[in-house]
Protein backbone atom coordinates (compact mmCIF):
# COMPACT_ATOMS: atom_id res chain seq x y z
CA UNK A 1 0.00 0.00 0.00
CA UNK A 2 1.24 3.46 -0.91
CA UNK A 3 -0.10 6.75 0.42
CA UNK A 4 0.06 9.84 -1.81
CA UNK A 5 0.26 13.32 -0.29
CA UNK A 6 0.98 16.81 -1.57
CA UNK A 7 4.02 18.94 -0.69
CA UNK A 8 3.84 22.29 1.13
CA UNK A 9 4.82 25.87 0.44
CA UNK A 10 6.04 26.37 4.01
CA UNK A 11 9.54 25.01 4.57
CA UNK A 12 11.90 24.48 7.51
CA UNK A 13 15.54 23.88 6.70
CA UNK A 14 16.86 24.07 10.25
CA UNK A 15 19.18 21.26 11.32
CA UNK A 16 17.79 17.83 12.16
CA UNK A 17 19.30 14.87 14.02
CA UNK A 18 17.88 12.43 11.46
CA UNK A 19 20.74 10.95 9.47
CA UNK A 20 18.84 8.53 7.22
CA UNK A 21 18.38 10.01 3.77
CA UNK A 22 17.99 9.17 0.11
CA UNK A 23 18.31 10.95 -3.24
CA UNK A 24 15.32 11.98 -5.39
CA UNK A 25 15.05 9.60 -8.31
CA UNK A 26 14.06 12.26 -10.87
CA UNK A 27 16.83 14.71 -10.10
CA UNK A 28 17.87 14.96 -13.77
CA UNK A 29 14.36 16.24 -14.55
CA UNK A 30 14.53 18.62 -11.59
CA UNK A 31 17.78 20.06 -12.97
CA UNK A 32 16.11 20.67 -16.34
CA UNK A 33 13.30 22.57 -14.62
CA UNK A 34 15.79 24.58 -12.57
CA UNK A 35 17.68 25.57 -15.71
CA UNK A 36 14.38 26.79 -17.14
CA UNK A 37 13.50 28.71 -13.98
CA UNK A 38 16.95 30.32 -13.77
CA UNK A 39 16.07 32.21 -16.95
CA UNK A 40 13.12 33.88 -15.22
CA UNK A 41 13.34 37.34 -13.64
CA UNK A 42 11.59 38.22 -10.40
CA UNK A 43 8.88 39.96 -12.43
CA UNK A 44 8.48 36.83 -14.57
CA UNK A 45 7.99 34.69 -11.46
CA UNK A 46 5.48 37.11 -9.95
CA UNK A 47 3.34 36.76 -13.06
CA UNK A 48 3.89 33.02 -13.51
CA UNK A 49 3.25 32.02 -9.91
CA UNK A 50 0.95 34.87 -8.87
CA UNK A 51 3.13 35.69 -5.85
CA UNK A 52 4.45 38.83 -4.19
CA UNK A 53 7.70 40.52 -5.16
CA UNK A 54 9.35 39.27 -1.96
CA UNK A 55 8.41 35.65 -2.64
CA UNK A 56 9.52 35.97 -6.26
CA UNK A 57 12.89 37.42 -5.18
CA UNK A 58 13.34 34.60 -2.66
CA UNK A 59 12.74 31.96 -5.32
CA UNK A 60 15.05 33.62 -7.84
CA UNK A 61 17.72 33.22 -5.16
CA UNK A 62 16.71 29.62 -4.45
CA UNK A 63 16.92 28.59 -8.10
CA UNK A 64 20.35 30.16 -8.50
CA UNK A 65 21.58 28.47 -5.30
CA UNK A 66 20.36 25.04 -6.40
CA UNK A 67 23.37 22.72 -6.49
CA UNK A 68 24.12 19.02 -6.65
CA UNK A 69 25.03 16.58 -5.27
CA UNK A 70 22.57 16.85 -2.38
CA UNK A 71 23.89 16.11 1.10
CA UNK A 72 22.91 16.80 4.71
CA UNK A 73 24.80 20.09 4.57
CA UNK A 74 22.89 21.64 1.66
CA UNK A 75 19.55 19.78 1.74
CA UNK A 76 17.02 18.18 4.11
CA UNK A 77 14.70 15.17 4.10
CA UNK A 78 11.40 16.07 2.38
CA UNK A 79 9.06 14.88 5.14
CA UNK A 80 10.96 17.04 7.65
CA UNK A 81 11.49 20.07 5.39
CA UNK A 82 7.84 20.55 4.39
CA UNK A 83 5.90 22.38 7.11
CA UNK A 84 2.36 22.98 5.82
CA UNK A 85 -0.89 21.79 7.38
CA UNK A 86 -0.53 18.20 6.10
CA UNK A 87 2.90 17.95 7.73
CA UNK A 88 1.72 19.48 11.00
CA UNK A 89 -0.85 16.71 11.09
CA UNK A 90 1.67 14.02 10.16
CA UNK A 91 4.30 15.05 12.75
CA UNK A 92 7.18 13.28 11.01
CA UNK A 93 9.58 14.78 13.57
CA UNK A 94 8.07 12.36 16.13
CA UNK A 95 8.78 9.27 13.99
CA UNK A 96 11.14 6.59 15.26
CA UNK A 97 13.73 5.01 12.96
CA UNK A 98 11.28 2.17 12.40
CA UNK A 99 8.48 4.62 11.57
CA UNK A 100 10.73 6.40 9.07
CA UNK A 101 11.67 3.08 7.46
CA UNK A 102 7.99 2.15 7.07
CA UNK A 103 7.20 5.62 5.68
CA UNK A 104 10.06 5.32 3.19
CA UNK A 105 8.36 2.25 1.74
CA UNK A 106 4.73 3.35 1.95
CA UNK A 107 4.53 7.16 1.63
CA UNK A 108 5.09 9.22 -1.51
CA UNK A 109 5.04 13.00 -1.92
CA UNK A 110 4.02 14.50 -5.26
CA UNK A 111 6.13 17.53 -6.22
CA UNK A 112 6.18 20.02 -9.07
CA UNK A 113 9.98 20.15 -9.02
CA UNK A 114 10.94 16.64 -7.88
CA UNK A 115 8.13 14.53 -9.38
CA UNK A 116 7.69 11.73 -6.84
CA UNK A 117 9.53 11.88 -3.53
CA UNK A 118 10.17 9.37 -0.80
CA UNK A 119 9.95 10.97 2.67
CA UNK A 120 13.71 10.67 3.27
CA UNK A 121 14.67 12.07 -0.13
CA UNK A 122 16.81 15.17 0.28
CA UNK A 123 15.44 18.38 -1.21
CA UNK A 124 16.63 21.96 -1.42
CA UNK A 125 14.33 24.96 -0.83
CA UNK A 126 11.99 25.69 -3.73
CA UNK A 127 8.56 26.79 -4.76
CA UNK A 128 6.98 25.28 -7.85
CA UNK A 129 3.38 24.21 -7.59
CA UNK A 130 2.21 21.40 -9.84
CA UNK A 131 -0.43 23.61 -11.45
CA UNK A 132 2.15 26.19 -12.63
CA UNK A 133 1.87 26.94 -16.37
CA UNK A 134 5.60 26.76 -16.94
CA UNK A 135 6.46 26.48 -20.63
CA UNK A 136 9.07 23.74 -20.98
CA UNK A 137 10.70 21.44 -23.51
CA UNK A 138 7.86 18.93 -23.18
CA UNK A 139 4.83 21.21 -23.17
CA UNK A 140 3.00 24.16 -21.72
CA UNK A 141 2.81 23.11 -18.06
CA UNK A 142 4.20 20.73 -15.46
CA UNK A 143 1.58 18.04 -16.13
CA UNK A 144 2.92 17.80 -19.68
CA UNK A 145 6.51 17.96 -18.44
CA UNK A 146 6.06 14.97 -16.12
CA UNK A 147 3.68 13.19 -18.51
CA UNK A 148 3.54 9.50 -17.41
CA UNK A 149 6.85 9.46 -15.54
CA UNK A 150 5.39 9.95 -12.05
CA UNK A 151 2.80 7.22 -12.68
CA UNK A 152 5.43 4.83 -14.05
CA UNK A 153 7.62 5.36 -10.99
CA UNK A 154 4.66 4.78 -8.70
CA UNK A 155 3.83 1.57 -10.59
CA UNK A 156 7.43 0.42 -10.14
CA UNK A 157 7.22 1.08 -6.40
CA UNK A 158 4.00 -0.93 -6.16
CA UNK A 159 5.55 -3.79 -8.09
CA UNK A 160 8.58 -3.78 -5.78
CA UNK A 161 6.18 -4.08 -2.83
CA UNK A 162 4.17 -6.82 -4.51
CA UNK A 163 1.08 -4.73 -3.85
CA UNK A 164 -1.54 -2.82 -5.84
CA UNK A 165 -3.17 -0.40 -3.39
CA UNK A 166 -2.87 3.39 -3.63
CA UNK A 167 -4.45 5.66 -1.03
CA UNK A 168 -5.03 9.15 -2.39
CA UNK A 169 -4.53 11.81 0.28
CA UNK A 170 -3.24 14.42 -2.19
CA UNK A 171 -4.98 17.58 -3.36
CA UNK A 172 -6.73 17.63 -6.75
CA UNK A 173 -3.95 19.84 -8.17
CA UNK A 174 -1.29 17.29 -7.33
CA UNK A 175 -3.22 14.09 -7.92
CA UNK A 176 -3.89 15.33 -11.46
CA UNK A 177 -0.22 14.49 -12.18
CA UNK A 178 -1.16 10.79 -11.88
CA UNK A 179 -2.42 9.19 -15.09
CA UNK A 180 -5.20 7.08 -13.63
CA UNK A 181 -5.66 5.00 -16.78
CA UNK A 182 -1.97 3.98 -16.58
CA UNK A 183 -1.94 3.35 -12.83
CA UNK A 184 -1.66 -0.37 -12.05
CA UNK A 185 -3.50 -0.14 -8.76
CA UNK A 186 -6.76 -0.22 -6.88
CA UNK A 187 -7.27 3.43 -5.98
CA UNK A 188 -8.92 4.63 -2.77
CA UNK A 189 -9.83 8.28 -2.24
CA UNK A 190 -10.04 9.70 1.27
CA UNK A 191 -11.91 12.87 2.27
CA UNK A 192 -12.56 14.60 5.57
CA UNK A 193 -15.65 16.65 6.29
CA UNK A 194 -16.86 18.88 9.10
CA UNK A 195 -20.47 18.97 10.32
CA UNK A 196 -22.09 22.38 10.52
CA UNK A 197 -25.81 23.04 10.77
CA UNK A 198 -26.54 19.43 9.91
CA UNK A 199 -24.44 19.50 6.74
CA UNK A 200 -21.04 17.88 6.10
CA UNK A 201 -18.57 20.01 4.16
CA UNK A 202 -14.87 19.89 3.35
CA UNK A 203 -12.98 22.71 5.08
CA UNK A 204 -9.57 22.97 3.42
CA UNK A 205 -7.53 23.83 6.53
CA UNK A 206 -8.96 20.94 8.57
CA UNK A 207 -8.90 18.51 5.63
CA UNK A 208 -5.20 19.15 4.98
CA UNK A 209 -4.29 18.52 8.61
CA UNK A 210 -6.46 15.39 8.66
CA UNK A 211 -4.60 14.00 5.62
CA UNK A 212 -1.43 14.31 7.63
CA UNK A 213 -3.02 12.70 10.68
CA UNK A 214 -4.19 9.79 8.51
CA UNK A 215 -0.62 9.39 7.24
CA UNK A 216 0.60 9.34 10.84
CA UNK A 217 -2.05 6.74 11.72
CA UNK A 218 -1.02 4.45 8.85
CA UNK A 219 2.70 4.76 9.53
CA UNK A 220 2.58 4.32 13.30
CA UNK A 221 0.12 1.42 13.09
CA UNK A 222 1.88 -0.26 10.11
CA UNK A 223 -1.39 -0.46 8.17
CA UNK A 224 -1.35 -2.31 4.87
CA UNK A 225 -5.06 -3.13 4.37
CA UNK A 226 -7.41 -0.32 3.24
CA UNK A 227 -10.19 -1.73 5.43
CA UNK A 228 -8.07 -0.95 8.48
CA UNK A 229 -8.17 2.75 7.59
CA UNK A 230 -11.75 2.76 8.84
CA UNK A 231 -10.42 2.59 12.39
CA UNK A 232 -8.95 6.10 12.08
CA UNK A 233 -10.28 8.14 15.01
CA UNK A 234 -7.80 11.00 15.50
CA UNK A 235 -9.05 14.40 16.62
CA UNK A 236 -12.73 13.43 16.69
CA UNK A 237 -12.98 11.99 13.17
CA UNK A 238 -14.81 8.75 12.48
CA UNK A 239 -15.52 6.67 9.40
CA UNK A 240 -18.90 7.68 8.00
CA UNK A 241 -20.31 4.59 6.35
CA UNK A 242 -23.39 6.40 5.04
CA UNK A 243 -21.33 8.92 3.06
CA UNK A 244 -18.67 6.44 1.93
CA UNK A 245 -18.55 3.96 -0.94
CA UNK A 246 -16.34 0.97 -1.76
CA UNK A 247 -13.37 3.08 -2.90
CA UNK A 248 -14.25 6.51 -1.47
CA UNK A 249 -13.84 6.72 2.28
CA UNK A 250 -15.36 9.73 4.05
CA UNK A 251 -14.43 10.64 7.60
CA UNK A 252 -16.51 13.19 9.50
CA UNK A 253 -16.64 14.98 12.80
């Protein structure tokens, strides 16, 4: 079983005691994207990414500072570097060595710059959302740049596990990088909804954190059967059988 999650804009590159690490498998593609981005001015990035001048300036600097090979001096493990709501819910900094080893086999992070990351893959600071309309050698956006490569790598990981289960905890923007027709897996989608005035609705902030909490639940409990996800009960959530279907699990609170 493999869990899919999205990356985060918020980053923390302070030192960590975790020594285990790996290298992103699509780094050659990342370098090609970086070379493209290095040609962009701050004004170009503001328009392309719809960000402030300060954020654009920061990322111009990041792209120009990008250097390989990655090591623990110039990069950090992805699951520890990302700091958005999903990662606050996941709390990877609390993982034991055994937890990290399980996560390395069963968790994958979709990334606009790195394609498909394992949690211990080293990354350098960046901002490049999957939905960015970056003209590149393969097309007009990042979906065309990555084409089937992310899906093929995910299929290879499933084959190496001898499994065919994918749990989608990623946002729509990032999951769109997966070619579902080429995915050799049984796909399960997970959503989290809040009850208000008798209605259940997805609230983005809470849903993102819950995706992280579900990842934590799977990793710490070594879950490999989708049916066992139904036992998830963190932070008041429970499996709502009435709203769920065979492959779409809805958790509410």
